[in-house]
């Protein structure tokens, strides 16, 4: 028996070191994480008592290691840290092509200024001056070194403010070869001429709609001369003054002919409705125009409200209007009906 007094007056004795080692191994398996704390206390107590670690003690430590005991005063329970997310060097601008105008979409041009490709799975526009913008899910691969990829998103409808507020897009992206995605918020250039123009157009259209209703009247087929129609201008109850129609234009496919006057039409509280007769005929008949036209039924007008500035908007076109115009155009151009 080995016996030694410690400063407190208690005696520590180890009669059978081998049995003690076996019991400690069993306790290690059962105790799990608590062994690490017990190991610290054991070492501290041994140092205080002046115990000598004999060959049996060495076997004890070896057995403890075999069942998973690691006595590391600075590292119990520690795991390997996950590597940091790679930096994604992205930037964004807002663009709009002709086909985007028809669908009321923006092209979010994404640029990857990093050295490795980046996968984008989602683009979320944040346009404070517009309502109804919507996110888009897309599998877009951005090549490195600043090459551009466009993702189209709906931008909603603008209100009537002087200029567009600072706007952003958030992209969900990951570096190629990494499975972890990141949400990256990107500022669009500000001030933004495109967003300002879209905002002004929507504000003008809303202002006009609040004061006047524009629509096409009945259609009369004139054979080779085209089709006769009329633009109906009706003052709304919310209008507060005279509404004047200053211009009414065709487009790349249709020529509009009507009596010239200044203004073309005028409505007041005393005369709340006016009609402008016109004839629509083909402006172009080449197949390239038929194939490439993006806005065949857009007819711009400019209207002033109570002597104010001229506001731009377009005439709403319904299915009957489209049928009358398209039937005349294809017949007089010798182009088969759509879908044939």
Protein backbone atom coordinates (compact mmCIF):
# COMPACT_ATOMS: atom_id res chain seq x y z
CA UNK A 1 0.00 0.00 0.00
CA UNK A 2 1.22 3.50 -0.88
CA UNK A 3 0.07 6.20 1.50
CA UNK A 4 0.86 9.89 1.63
CA UNK A 5 -0.67 12.71 3.56
CA UNK A 6 -1.92 15.76 1.76
CA UNK A 7 -2.03 19.22 3.32
CA UNK A 8 -5.66 18.77 4.40
CA UNK A 9 -4.78 15.75 6.51
CA UNK A 10 -6.58 13.18 4.32
CA UNK A 11 -4.80 10.01 3.15
CA UNK A 12 -4.84 8.86 -0.49
CA UNK A 13 -4.14 5.16 -1.06
CA UNK A 14 -4.01 3.03 -4.20
CA UNK A 15 -4.03 -0.64 -3.18
CA UNK A 16 -4.67 -2.31 -6.57
CA UNK A 17 -3.69 -0.04 -9.51
CA UNK A 18 -4.81 -2.55 -12.20
CA UNK A 19 -8.32 -2.80 -10.77
CA UNK A 20 -8.48 0.96 -10.46
CA UNK A 21 -7.55 1.28 -14.13
CA UNK A 22 -10.30 -1.15 -15.16
CA UNK A 23 -12.88 0.70 -13.10
CA UNK A 24 -11.80 4.00 -14.60
CA UNK A 25 -12.07 2.62 -18.15
CA UNK A 26 -15.64 1.46 -17.45
CA UNK A 27 -16.53 4.79 -15.89
CA UNK A 28 -15.08 6.62 -18.90
CA UNK A 29 -17.43 4.85 -21.32
CA UNK A 30 -20.45 5.56 -19.12
CA UNK A 31 -19.55 9.11 -18.18
CA UNK A 32 -18.79 10.42 -21.68
CA UNK A 33 -18.23 14.22 -21.70
CA UNK A 34 -18.04 14.40 -17.88
CA UNK A 35 -14.73 12.50 -17.98
CA UNK A 36 -12.98 15.56 -19.36
CA UNK A 37 -13.88 17.60 -16.28
CA UNK A 38 -13.04 14.67 -13.98
CA UNK A 39 -9.68 14.33 -15.71
CA UNK A 40 -8.83 17.93 -14.92
CA UNK A 41 -9.70 17.45 -11.24
CA UNK A 42 -7.73 14.15 -11.12
CA UNK A 43 -4.59 15.82 -12.47
CA UNK A 44 -4.93 18.75 -10.11
CA UNK A 45 -5.43 16.44 -7.12
CA UNK A 46 -2.47 14.30 -8.11
CA UNK A 47 -0.22 17.31 -8.29
CA UNK A 48 -1.37 18.50 -4.86
CA UNK A 49 -0.83 15.08 -3.28
CA UNK A 50 2.54 14.53 -4.88
CA UNK A 51 1.53 11.15 -6.31
CA UNK A 52 4.04 9.37 -8.48
CA UNK A 53 2.61 7.98 -11.71
CA UNK A 54 3.97 4.45 -11.88
CA UNK A 55 3.87 1.90 -14.68
CA UNK A 56 0.32 1.00 -13.65
CA UNK A 57 -0.60 4.68 -14.02
CA UNK A 58 0.84 4.68 -17.53
CA UNK A 59 -1.27 1.64 -18.39
CA UNK A 60 -4.25 3.48 -16.92
CA UNK A 61 -3.72 6.44 -19.25
CA UNK A 62 -3.24 4.15 -22.27
CA UNK A 63 -6.48 2.33 -21.49
CA UNK A 64 -8.32 5.61 -21.11
CA UNK A 65 -7.13 6.70 -24.55
CA UNK A 66 -8.34 3.39 -26.03
CA UNK A 67 -11.93 4.09 -24.95
CA UNK A 68 -11.88 7.65 -26.25
CA UNK A 69 -10.58 9.64 -23.27
CA UNK A 70 -8.57 12.66 -24.40
CA UNK A 71 -7.16 14.73 -21.57
CA UNK A 72 -6.49 18.09 -23.18
CA UNK A 73 -6.95 20.94 -20.81
CA UNK A 74 -7.40 23.41 -23.63
CA UNK A 75 -9.45 21.40 -26.13
CA UNK A 76 -12.20 19.21 -24.61
CA UNK A 77 -15.23 18.89 -26.84
CA UNK A 78 -13.82 21.11 -29.65
CA UNK A 79 -14.73 20.48 -33.35
CA UNK A 80 -13.28 21.64 -36.65
CA UNK A 81 -14.56 25.09 -37.72
CA UNK A 82 -16.45 25.43 -41.03
CA UNK A 83 -14.42 27.40 -43.57
CA UNK A 84 -15.61 30.97 -44.15
CA UNK A 85 -17.95 31.72 -47.06
CA UNK A 86 -16.11 32.88 -50.17
CA UNK A 87 -16.48 36.55 -51.05
CA UNK A 88 -18.87 37.12 -53.99
CA UNK A 89 -17.90 40.24 -55.90
CA UNK A 90 -21.18 41.07 -57.62
CA UNK A 91 -22.81 44.27 -58.87
CA UNK A 92 -26.10 45.05 -60.61
CA UNK A 93 -27.64 47.60 -62.97
CA UNK A 94 -31.19 48.01 -64.31
CA UNK A 95 -31.81 47.84 -68.05
CA UNK A 96 -34.90 47.60 -70.25
CA UNK A 97 -35.21 46.23 -73.78
CA UNK A 98 -38.18 46.59 -76.13
CA UNK A 99 -39.64 43.20 -75.21
CA UNK A 100 -39.30 44.08 -71.52
CA UNK A 101 -41.39 47.23 -71.98
CA UNK A 102 -44.36 45.24 -73.27
CA UNK A 103 -44.26 42.86 -70.29
CA UNK A 104 -43.49 45.67 -67.79
CA UNK A 105 -40.24 44.04 -66.78
CA UNK A 106 -36.75 45.20 -65.91
CA UNK A 107 -33.60 43.47 -66.99
CA UNK A 108 -31.40 43.17 -63.89
CA UNK A 109 -27.91 43.03 -65.35
CA UNK A 110 -25.68 41.04 -62.98
CA UNK A 111 -21.90 41.35 -63.19
CA UNK A 112 -19.44 38.96 -61.52
CA UNK A 113 -16.18 40.80 -60.86
CA UNK A 114 -14.59 37.81 -59.12
CA UNK A 115 -12.22 35.24 -60.59
CA UNK A 116 -14.55 32.23 -60.21
CA UNK A 117 -18.00 31.54 -61.69
CA UNK A 118 -21.04 32.23 -59.50
CA UNK A 119 -24.44 30.54 -59.63
CA UNK A 120 -27.51 32.70 -58.96
CA UNK A 121 -30.76 30.94 -58.05
CA UNK A 122 -33.02 33.88 -57.13
CA UNK A 123 -33.28 37.62 -57.80
CA UNK A 124 -35.46 39.81 -55.54
CA UNK A 125 -36.00 43.45 -56.60
CA UNK A 126 -36.51 46.07 -53.89
CA UNK A 127 -37.95 49.17 -55.59
CA UNK A 128 -39.46 51.48 -52.95
CA UNK A 129 -41.05 53.81 -55.54
CA UNK A 130 -42.95 50.95 -57.23
CA UNK A 131 -45.62 48.56 -56.01
CA UNK A 132 -45.94 44.99 -57.23
CA UNK A 133 -42.31 44.13 -57.98
CA UNK A 134 -41.78 40.39 -57.71
CA UNK A 135 -38.86 37.98 -57.18
CA UNK A 136 -37.80 35.52 -59.87
CA UNK A 137 -36.20 32.09 -59.45
CA UNK A 138 -33.62 31.41 -62.14
CA UNK A 139 -30.61 29.12 -62.68
CA UNK A 140 -28.20 31.80 -63.93
CA UNK A 141 -24.46 31.21 -64.23
CA UNK A 142 -22.37 34.38 -63.98
CA UNK A 143 -19.01 34.01 -65.72
CA UNK A 144 -16.02 35.64 -64.00
CA UNK A 145 -14.23 38.90 -64.77
CA UNK A 146 -17.24 41.22 -65.09
CA UNK A 147 -19.20 39.46 -67.82
CA UNK A 148 -22.90 40.37 -67.73
CA UNK A 149 -26.01 38.20 -67.48
CA UNK A 150 -29.55 39.69 -67.50
CA UNK A 151 -32.40 38.34 -65.36
CA UNK A 152 -35.82 39.89 -66.07
CA UNK A 153 -38.09 40.74 -63.13
CA UNK A 154 -41.53 42.43 -62.93
CA UNK A 155 -41.15 45.95 -61.57
CA UNK A 156 -44.78 46.70 -60.70
CA UNK A 157 -46.38 50.14 -61.02
CA UNK A 158 -44.84 53.45 -60.09
CA UNK A 159 -46.46 56.13 -57.98
CA UNK A 160 -46.30 59.90 -58.35
CA UNK A 161 -43.07 61.02 -56.71
CA UNK A 162 -40.48 63.40 -58.12
CA UNK A 163 -37.77 60.75 -58.51
CA UNK A 164 -37.20 57.09 -57.77
CA UNK A 165 -35.85 56.32 -54.30
CA UNK A 166 -32.60 54.32 -53.92
CA UNK A 167 -33.32 50.80 -55.13
CA UNK A 168 -31.71 47.40 -54.63
CA UNK A 169 -31.77 43.78 -55.64
CA UNK A 170 -31.02 40.81 -53.39
CA UNK A 171 -29.58 37.73 -55.04
CA UNK A 172 -29.31 34.21 -53.67
CA UNK A 173 -25.99 32.95 -54.98
CA UNK A 174 -23.14 30.53 -54.40
CA UNK A 175 -19.62 30.20 -55.70
CA UNK A 176 -19.15 27.35 -58.16
CA UNK A 177 -18.00 24.25 -56.28
CA UNK A 178 -19.53 25.44 -52.98
CA UNK A 179 -22.92 24.10 -51.87
CA UNK A 180 -23.58 26.97 -49.44
CA UNK A 181 -25.73 29.84 -50.70
CA UNK A 182 -25.47 33.47 -49.68
CA UNK A 183 -27.98 36.35 -49.77
CA UNK A 184 -26.20 39.33 -51.26
CA UNK A 185 -27.86 42.77 -51.34
CA UNK A 186 -26.74 44.91 -54.27
CA UNK A 187 -27.45 48.61 -54.75
CA UNK A 188 -28.65 49.76 -58.17
CA UNK A 189 -27.02 52.95 -59.47
CA UNK A 190 -28.65 56.06 -57.96
CA UNK A 191 -29.96 58.41 -59.19
CA UNK A 192 -31.34 56.09 -61.84
CA UNK A 193 -32.52 57.59 -65.15
CA UNK A 194 -34.39 54.45 -66.22
CA UNK A 195 -36.35 54.15 -62.96
CA UNK A 196 -37.07 57.89 -63.04
CA UNK A 197 -38.50 57.60 -66.57
CA UNK A 198 -40.63 54.57 -65.71
CA UNK A 199 -41.90 56.37 -62.63
CA UNK A 200 -42.79 59.49 -64.63
CA UNK A 201 -44.59 57.44 -67.31
CA UNK A 202 -46.67 55.59 -64.72
CA UNK A 203 -47.49 58.79 -62.88
CA UNK A 204 -48.61 60.48 -66.10
CA UNK A 205 -50.77 57.51 -67.06
CA UNK A 206 -52.38 57.46 -63.62
CA UNK A 207 -53.04 61.21 -63.74
CA UNK A 208 -54.65 60.92 -67.18
CA UNK A 209 -56.78 57.94 -66.10
CA UNK A 210 -58.07 59.91 -63.15
CA UNK A 211 -59.33 62.67 -65.46
CA UNK A 212 -60.25 61.06 -68.77
CA UNK A 213 -61.17 57.68 -70.27
CA UNK A 214 -59.73 56.75 -73.67
CA UNK A 215 -61.09 53.90 -75.78
CA UNK A 216 -61.70 52.85 -79.37
CA UNK A 217 -65.23 52.92 -80.74
CA UNK A 218 -66.76 50.63 -83.38
CA UNK A 219 -64.80 49.49 -86.44
CA UNK A 220 -65.86 49.54 -90.10
CA UNK A 221 -63.94 47.53 -92.70
CA UNK A 222 -62.99 49.65 -95.75
CA UNK A 223 -61.41 46.85 -97.77
CA UNK A 224 -58.19 47.91 -99.47
CA UNK A 225 -58.37 51.33 -97.79
CA UNK A 226 -58.02 49.89 -94.31
CA UNK A 227 -60.44 50.04 -91.39
CA UNK A 228 -62.33 53.03 -90.00
CA UNK A 229 -62.42 53.59 -86.26
CA UNK A 230 -62.79 56.34 -83.70
CA UNK A 231 -61.01 57.42 -80.56
CA UNK A 232 -63.52 58.20 -77.81
CA UNK A 233 -62.45 60.70 -75.14
CA UNK A 234 -64.64 60.91 -72.03
CA UNK A 235 -64.11 63.17 -69.03
CA UNK A 236 -64.32 61.50 -65.62
CA UNK A 237 -66.11 62.82 -62.57
CA UNK A 238 -62.75 63.42 -60.89
CA UNK A 239 -61.57 65.85 -63.59
CA UNK A 240 -61.32 69.44 -62.41
CA UNK A 241 -60.83 71.32 -65.68
CA UNK A 242 -60.56 71.06 -69.45
CA UNK A 243 -58.90 67.95 -70.88
CA UNK A 244 -57.25 68.34 -74.30
CA UNK A 245 -55.96 65.66 -76.68
CA UNK A 246 -52.87 66.97 -78.48
CA UNK A 247 -51.50 63.94 -80.36
CA UNK A 248 -52.58 60.47 -81.41
CA UNK A 249 -49.98 58.28 -83.11
CA UNK A 250 -49.78 54.99 -84.94
CA UNK A 251 -46.85 52.60 -84.68
CA UNK A 252 -44.44 50.58 -86.79
CA UNK A 253 -47.29 48.53 -88.33
CA UNK A 254 -50.24 50.95 -88.57
CA UNK A 255 -50.65 54.40 -90.14
CA UNK A 256 -53.42 56.54 -88.67
CA UNK A 257 -55.10 59.21 -90.79
CA UNK A 258 -57.45 61.80 -89.29
CA UNK A 259 -58.48 65.45 -89.51
CA UNK A 260 -55.77 67.70 -88.12
CA UNK A 261 -56.76 70.26 -85.53
CA UNK A 262 -55.34 71.97 -82.44
CA UNK A 263 -56.24 70.37 -80.12
CA UNK A 264 -57.44 67.15 -81.72
CA UNK A 265 -60.24 66.87 -79.14
CA UNK A 266 -61.35 68.65 -76.00
CA UNK A 267 -63.71 67.73 -73.17
CA UNK A 268 -65.11 69.98 -70.45
CA UNK A 269 -67.71 69.81 -67.71
CA UNK A 270 -70.27 71.14 -70.21
CA UNK A 271 -69.18 68.80 -73.04
CA UNK A 272 -67.75 65.72 -71.27
CA UNK A 273 -67.28 63.49 -74.36
CA UNK A 274 -65.62 63.85 -77.77
CA UNK A 275 -64.88 61.54 -80.69
CA UNK A 276 -61.97 61.64 -83.13
CA UNK A 277 -62.67 59.59 -86.32
CA UNK A 278 -59.65 58.03 -88.08
CA UNK A 279 -58.65 55.40 -90.64
CA UNK A 280 -56.02 52.76 -89.88
CA UNK A 281 -54.05 51.28 -92.80
CA UNK A 282 -50.83 49.25 -93.14
CA UNK A 283 -47.57 51.14 -92.67
CA UNK A 284 -45.30 48.11 -93.24
CA UNK A 285 -46.06 44.73 -94.79
CA UNK A 286 -42.64 43.03 -94.82
CA UNK A 287 -42.36 39.73 -92.99
CA UNK A 288 -39.43 41.03 -90.95
CA UNK A 289 -41.70 43.67 -89.41
CA UNK A 290 -44.35 41.06 -88.63
CA UNK A 291 -41.77 38.82 -86.98
CA UNK A 292 -39.93 41.47 -84.97
CA UNK A 293 -42.62 43.92 -83.86
CA UNK A 294 -42.97 44.00 -80.07
CA UNK A 295 -45.83 46.47 -79.65
CA UNK A 296 -48.19 46.12 -82.62
CA UNK A 297 -51.18 47.47 -80.71
CA UNK A 298 -49.65 50.37 -78.81
CA UNK A 299 -51.08 53.75 -79.83
CA UNK A 300 -49.51 56.68 -77.92
CA UNK A 301 -51.39 59.86 -77.07
CA UNK A 302 -50.49 63.09 -75.30
CA UNK A 303 -53.06 64.80 -73.12
CA UNK A 304 -53.03 67.99 -71.06
CA UNK A 305 -55.16 68.58 -67.98
CA UNK A 306 -56.50 72.09 -67.40
CA UNK A 307 -53.71 73.76 -69.37
CA UNK A 308 -50.89 71.80 -67.75
CA UNK A 309 -48.00 69.96 -69.37
CA UNK A 310 -48.62 67.28 -71.97
CA UNK A 311 -48.75 63.82 -70.41
CA UNK A 312 -47.92 60.61 -72.25
CA UNK A 313 -50.12 57.52 -72.14
CA UNK A 314 -51.49 54.88 -74.53
CA UNK A 315 -54.98 53.89 -75.64
CA UNK A 316 -56.23 50.64 -74.06
CA UNK A 317 -56.82 47.94 -76.70
CA UNK A 318 -59.29 45.08 -76.17
CA UNK A 319 -59.74 41.80 -78.08
CA UNK A 320 -62.27 43.28 -80.55
CA UNK A 321 -59.84 46.10 -81.37
CA UNK A 322 -56.99 43.64 -81.96
CA UNK A 323 -59.11 41.44 -84.21
CA UNK A 324 -60.30 44.34 -86.39
CA UNK A 325 -56.81 45.78 -86.82
CA UNK A 326 -54.93 42.50 -87.29
CA UNK A 327 -57.48 41.09 -89.77
CA UNK A 328 -57.23 44.19 -91.95
CA UNK A 329 -53.44 44.32 -91.76
CA UNK A 330 -52.86 40.69 -92.73
CA UNK A 331 -55.44 40.74 -95.50
CA UNK A 332 -54.14 43.95 -97.09
CA UNK A 333 -50.51 42.83 -96.70
CA UNK A 334 -51.16 39.33 -98.06
CA UNK A 335 -49.93 37.71 -94.86
CA UNK A 336 -51.70 34.55 -93.59
CA UNK A 337 -53.83 34.92 -90.45
CA UNK A 338 -52.05 34.46 -87.15
CA UNK A 339 -51.70 30.81 -86.15
CA UNK A 340 -52.35 29.44 -89.65
